[in-house]
Amino acid sequence: MIDRDVVTSRSTFEVPTDRGPVVIADALIQVALRVNAFVVFFAGHLDDGDIVLTFDGPSADDCHSPEGVTAAAVAFLQKHVADLRSR
């Protein structure tokens, strides 16, 4: 998990969303890139009693740097929260 309760160090930062800030840490992203792992983002929510999961990942251009993967993760998180707000 890359989400945290509070900003604790230079590797954690706040991401603004439609429902308030979310704190994330990029340390796991850096480890994944260091070992050449495939990075996948996922989020879930309930919809009329069903669990709905959404999966995505960084683009081919973004997947090679911590900054690119982190930016893609932030965009995924913000879109997920915005989509929940529109329900």
N, C-alpha and C. Protein backbone atom coordinates (compact mmCIF):
# COMPACT_ATOMS: atom_id res chain seq x y z
N MET A 1 0.84 -1.18 0.00
CA MET A 1 0.00 0.00 0.00
C MET A 1 0.89 1.24 0.00
N ILE A 2 0.47 2.21 -0.76
CA ILE A 2 1.24 3.45 -0.77
C ILE A 2 0.55 4.57 -0.02
N ASP A 3 -0.68 4.33 0.47
CA ASP A 3 -1.35 5.40 1.21
C ASP A 3 -0.95 5.32 2.68
N ARG A 4 -0.87 6.45 3.32
CA ARG A 4 -0.42 6.57 4.70
C ARG A 4 -1.43 7.42 5.49
N ASP A 5 -1.27 7.41 6.81
CA ASP A 5 -2.15 8.22 7.67
C ASP A 5 -1.72 9.69 7.70
N VAL A 6 -0.43 9.92 7.80
CA VAL A 6 0.10 11.28 7.92
C VAL A 6 1.40 11.39 7.13
N VAL A 7 1.76 12.61 6.81
CA VAL A 7 3.05 12.86 6.18
C VAL A 7 4.12 12.61 7.25
N THR A 8 5.05 11.68 6.97
CA THR A 8 6.03 11.29 7.99
C THR A 8 7.48 11.57 7.59
N SER A 9 7.73 11.77 6.32
CA SER A 9 9.11 11.97 5.89
C SER A 9 9.10 12.63 4.52
N ARG A 10 10.28 12.78 3.95
CA ARG A 10 10.36 13.40 2.64
C ARG A 10 9.80 12.50 1.54
N SER A 11 9.61 11.19 1.83
CA SER A 11 9.07 10.30 0.81
C SER A 11 7.55 10.17 0.89
N THR A 12 6.91 10.93 1.77
CA THR A 12 5.45 10.98 1.82
C THR A 12 4.99 12.38 1.49
N PHE A 13 3.84 12.46 0.85
CA PHE A 13 3.31 13.77 0.48
C PHE A 13 1.80 13.69 0.35
N GLU A 14 1.17 14.84 0.44
CA GLU A 14 -0.28 14.94 0.37
C GLU A 14 -0.74 15.12 -1.06
N VAL A 15 -1.80 14.39 -1.42
CA VAL A 15 -2.40 14.51 -2.75
C VAL A 15 -3.80 15.09 -2.56
N PRO A 16 -4.09 16.22 -3.18
CA PRO A 16 -5.44 16.77 -3.06
C PRO A 16 -6.43 15.94 -3.89
N THR A 17 -7.60 15.67 -3.31
CA THR A 17 -8.68 14.98 -4.04
C THR A 17 -9.98 15.72 -3.77
N ASP A 18 -11.02 15.35 -4.49
CA ASP A 18 -12.33 15.96 -4.31
C ASP A 18 -12.92 15.71 -2.92
N ARG A 19 -12.42 14.70 -2.22
CA ARG A 19 -12.92 14.37 -0.89
C ARG A 19 -11.91 14.65 0.20
N GLY A 20 -10.95 15.49 -0.10
CA GLY A 20 -9.93 15.84 0.88
C GLY A 20 -8.60 15.20 0.54
N PRO A 21 -7.56 15.59 1.26
CA PRO A 21 -6.22 15.12 0.93
C PRO A 21 -6.02 13.65 1.31
N VAL A 22 -5.16 12.98 0.54
CA VAL A 22 -4.72 11.61 0.81
C VAL A 22 -3.20 11.65 0.85
N VAL A 23 -2.62 11.03 1.85
CA VAL A 23 -1.16 10.99 1.98
C VAL A 23 -0.66 9.70 1.34
N ILE A 24 0.32 9.83 0.46
CA ILE A 24 0.92 8.64 -0.14
C ILE A 24 2.44 8.69 0.03
N ALA A 25 3.03 7.51 -0.03
CA ALA A 25 4.49 7.36 0.05
C ALA A 25 4.95 6.72 -1.24
N ASP A 26 6.05 7.21 -1.78
CA ASP A 26 6.54 6.65 -3.04
C ASP A 26 7.63 5.60 -2.86
N ALA A 27 7.92 5.20 -1.62
CA ALA A 27 8.99 4.22 -1.37
C ALA A 27 8.72 2.89 -2.08
N LEU A 28 7.49 2.40 -2.04
CA LEU A 28 7.17 1.13 -2.70
C LEU A 28 7.32 1.25 -4.21
N ILE A 29 6.98 2.38 -4.75
CA ILE A 29 7.17 2.61 -6.19
C ILE A 29 8.66 2.55 -6.53
N GLN A 30 9.49 3.17 -5.71
CA GLN A 30 10.93 3.14 -5.96
C GLN A 30 11.49 1.72 -5.88
N VAL A 31 11.03 0.94 -4.92
CA VAL A 31 11.47 -0.46 -4.82
C VAL A 31 11.02 -1.25 -6.05
N ALA A 32 9.79 -1.06 -6.46
CA ALA A 32 9.28 -1.78 -7.64
C ALA A 32 10.12 -1.48 -8.87
N LEU A 33 10.46 -0.23 -9.08
CA LEU A 33 11.28 0.13 -10.23
C LEU A 33 12.70 -0.41 -10.11
N ARG A 34 13.21 -0.43 -8.90
CA ARG A 34 14.57 -0.94 -8.68
C ARG A 34 14.69 -2.42 -9.06
N VAL A 35 13.61 -3.19 -8.82
CA VAL A 35 13.64 -4.63 -9.14
C VAL A 35 12.94 -4.92 -10.46
N ASN A 36 12.64 -3.88 -11.21
CA ASN A 36 12.03 -4.01 -12.54
C ASN A 36 10.67 -4.70 -12.51
N ALA A 37 9.89 -4.42 -11.49
CA ALA A 37 8.56 -5.02 -11.34
C ALA A 37 7.53 -4.28 -12.17
N PHE A 38 6.48 -4.98 -12.54
CA PHE A 38 5.34 -4.39 -13.23
C PHE A 38 4.46 -3.71 -12.19
N VAL A 39 4.15 -2.45 -12.37
CA VAL A 39 3.37 -1.68 -11.39
C VAL A 39 1.91 -1.63 -11.84
N VAL A 40 1.02 -1.97 -10.89
CA VAL A 40 -0.42 -1.93 -11.15
C VAL A 40 -1.07 -1.11 -10.04
N PHE A 41 -1.99 -0.24 -10.44
CA PHE A 41 -2.79 0.51 -9.47
C PHE A 41 -4.16 -0.16 -9.41
N PHE A 42 -4.75 -0.19 -8.21
CA PHE A 42 -6.12 -0.66 -8.13
C PHE A 42 -6.87 0.10 -7.05
N ALA A 43 -8.17 0.19 -7.26
CA ALA A 43 -9.06 0.84 -6.30
C ALA A 43 -10.37 0.08 -6.32
N GLY A 44 -11.10 0.17 -5.24
CA GLY A 44 -12.37 -0.53 -5.17
C GLY A 44 -13.43 0.31 -4.48
N HIS A 45 -14.67 -0.03 -4.77
CA HIS A 45 -15.80 0.60 -4.09
C HIS A 45 -17.00 -0.33 -4.16
N LEU A 46 -17.99 -0.05 -3.34
CA LEU A 46 -19.24 -0.82 -3.36
C LEU A 46 -20.24 -0.13 -4.27
N ASP A 47 -20.95 -0.93 -5.05
CA ASP A 47 -21.99 -0.42 -5.94
C ASP A 47 -23.19 -1.33 -5.82
N ASP A 48 -24.22 -0.89 -5.11
CA ASP A 48 -25.42 -1.70 -4.85
C ASP A 48 -25.07 -3.07 -4.29
N GLY A 49 -24.14 -3.10 -3.34
CA GLY A 49 -23.75 -4.34 -2.68
C GLY A 49 -22.70 -5.15 -3.41
N ASP A 50 -22.33 -4.74 -4.61
CA ASP A 50 -21.27 -5.43 -5.36
C ASP A 50 -19.95 -4.70 -5.17
N ILE A 51 -18.88 -5.46 -5.09
CA ILE A 51 -17.55 -4.87 -5.03
C ILE A 51 -17.06 -4.64 -6.45
N VAL A 52 -16.72 -3.40 -6.75
CA VAL A 52 -16.23 -3.04 -8.08
C VAL A 52 -14.75 -2.65 -7.95
N LEU A 53 -13.90 -3.35 -8.69
CA LEU A 53 -12.47 -3.06 -8.67
C LEU A 53 -12.06 -2.44 -9.99
N THR A 54 -11.17 -1.47 -9.93
CA THR A 54 -10.63 -0.82 -11.12
C THR A 54 -9.12 -0.99 -11.09
N PHE A 55 -8.56 -1.44 -12.20
CA PHE A 55 -7.12 -1.64 -12.32
C PHE A 55 -6.58 -0.76 -13.44
N ASP A 56 -5.37 -0.28 -13.25
CA ASP A 56 -4.69 0.51 -14.28
C ASP A 56 -3.21 0.50 -13.95
N GLY A 57 -2.44 1.14 -14.77
CA GLY A 57 -1.01 1.24 -14.53
C GLY A 57 -0.46 2.44 -15.26
N PRO A 58 0.79 2.72 -15.01
CA PRO A 58 1.41 3.86 -15.70
C PRO A 58 1.56 3.57 -17.19
N SER A 59 1.57 4.62 -17.98
CA SER A 59 1.76 4.46 -19.43
C SER A 59 3.18 3.98 -19.71
N ALA A 60 3.41 3.56 -20.93
CA ALA A 60 4.75 3.12 -21.33
C ALA A 60 5.77 4.23 -21.13
N ASP A 61 5.37 5.47 -21.32
CA ASP A 61 6.28 6.60 -21.13
C ASP A 61 6.57 6.86 -19.65
N ASP A 62 5.56 6.62 -18.79
CA ASP A 62 5.69 6.93 -17.37
C ASP A 62 6.31 5.82 -16.54
N CYS A 63 6.36 4.60 -17.06
CA CYS A 63 6.70 3.45 -16.21
C CYS A 63 8.18 3.28 -15.91
N HIS A 64 9.04 4.14 -16.41
CA HIS A 64 10.47 3.95 -16.24
C HIS A 64 11.11 4.84 -15.18
N SER A 65 10.34 5.75 -14.60
CA SER A 65 10.92 6.63 -13.58
C SER A 65 9.99 6.72 -12.38
N PRO A 66 10.56 6.88 -11.19
CA PRO A 66 9.71 7.05 -10.01
C PRO A 66 8.77 8.24 -10.14
N GLU A 67 9.25 9.31 -10.75
CA GLU A 67 8.41 10.50 -10.92
C GLU A 67 7.23 10.22 -11.85
N GLY A 68 7.48 9.48 -12.92
CA GLY A 68 6.42 9.14 -13.87
C GLY A 68 5.38 8.22 -13.26
N VAL A 69 5.85 7.19 -12.55
CA VAL A 69 4.91 6.25 -11.91
C VAL A 69 4.13 6.96 -10.81
N THR A 70 4.81 7.79 -10.03
CA THR A 70 4.12 8.52 -8.97
C THR A 70 3.07 9.46 -9.55
N ALA A 71 3.40 10.17 -10.62
CA ALA A 71 2.43 11.07 -11.26
C ALA A 71 1.23 10.28 -11.78
N ALA A 72 1.48 9.11 -12.36
CA ALA A 72 0.38 8.27 -12.85
C ALA A 72 -0.47 7.76 -11.69
N ALA A 73 0.16 7.41 -10.58
CA ALA A 73 -0.59 6.95 -9.40
C ALA A 73 -1.46 8.07 -8.84
N VAL A 74 -0.92 9.27 -8.79
CA VAL A 74 -1.69 10.42 -8.31
C VAL A 74 -2.89 10.67 -9.22
N ALA A 75 -2.68 10.63 -10.52
CA ALA A 75 -3.79 10.84 -11.48
C ALA A 75 -4.85 9.76 -11.32
N PHE A 76 -4.43 8.50 -11.13
CA PHE A 76 -5.37 7.40 -10.93
C PHE A 76 -6.19 7.62 -9.67
N LEU A 77 -5.52 7.98 -8.58
CA LEU A 77 -6.20 8.23 -7.31
C LEU A 77 -7.20 9.37 -7.44
N GLN A 78 -6.79 10.47 -8.03
CA GLN A 78 -7.68 11.62 -8.17
C GLN A 78 -8.88 11.30 -9.04
N LYS A 79 -8.68 10.53 -10.11
CA LYS A 79 -9.80 10.14 -10.97
C LYS A 79 -10.76 9.22 -10.22
N HIS A 80 -10.21 8.27 -9.47
CA HIS A 80 -11.05 7.34 -8.71
C HIS A 80 -11.93 8.11 -7.72
N VAL A 81 -11.34 9.02 -6.99
CA VAL A 81 -12.10 9.79 -6.00
C VAL A 81 -13.13 10.68 -6.69
N ALA A 82 -12.76 11.30 -7.80
CA ALA A 82 -13.72 12.14 -8.54
C ALA A 82 -14.88 11.31 -9.06
N ASP A 83 -14.59 10.11 -9.55
CA ASP A 83 -15.65 9.22 -10.04
C ASP A 83 -16.59 8.82 -8.91
N LEU A 84 -16.06 8.58 -7.71
CA LEU A 84 -16.91 8.25 -6.56
C LEU A 84 -17.81 9.43 -6.21
N ARG A 85 -17.26 10.61 -6.30
CA ARG A 85 -18.03 11.82 -5.94
C ARG A 85 -19.21 12.02 -6.91
N SER A 86 -19.04 11.60 -8.15
CA SER A 86 -20.09 11.81 -9.15
C SER A 86 -21.21 10.76 -9.06
N ARG A 87 -21.06 9.80 -8.20
CA ARG A 87 -22.10 8.74 -8.05
C ARG A 87 -23.23 9.23 -7.20
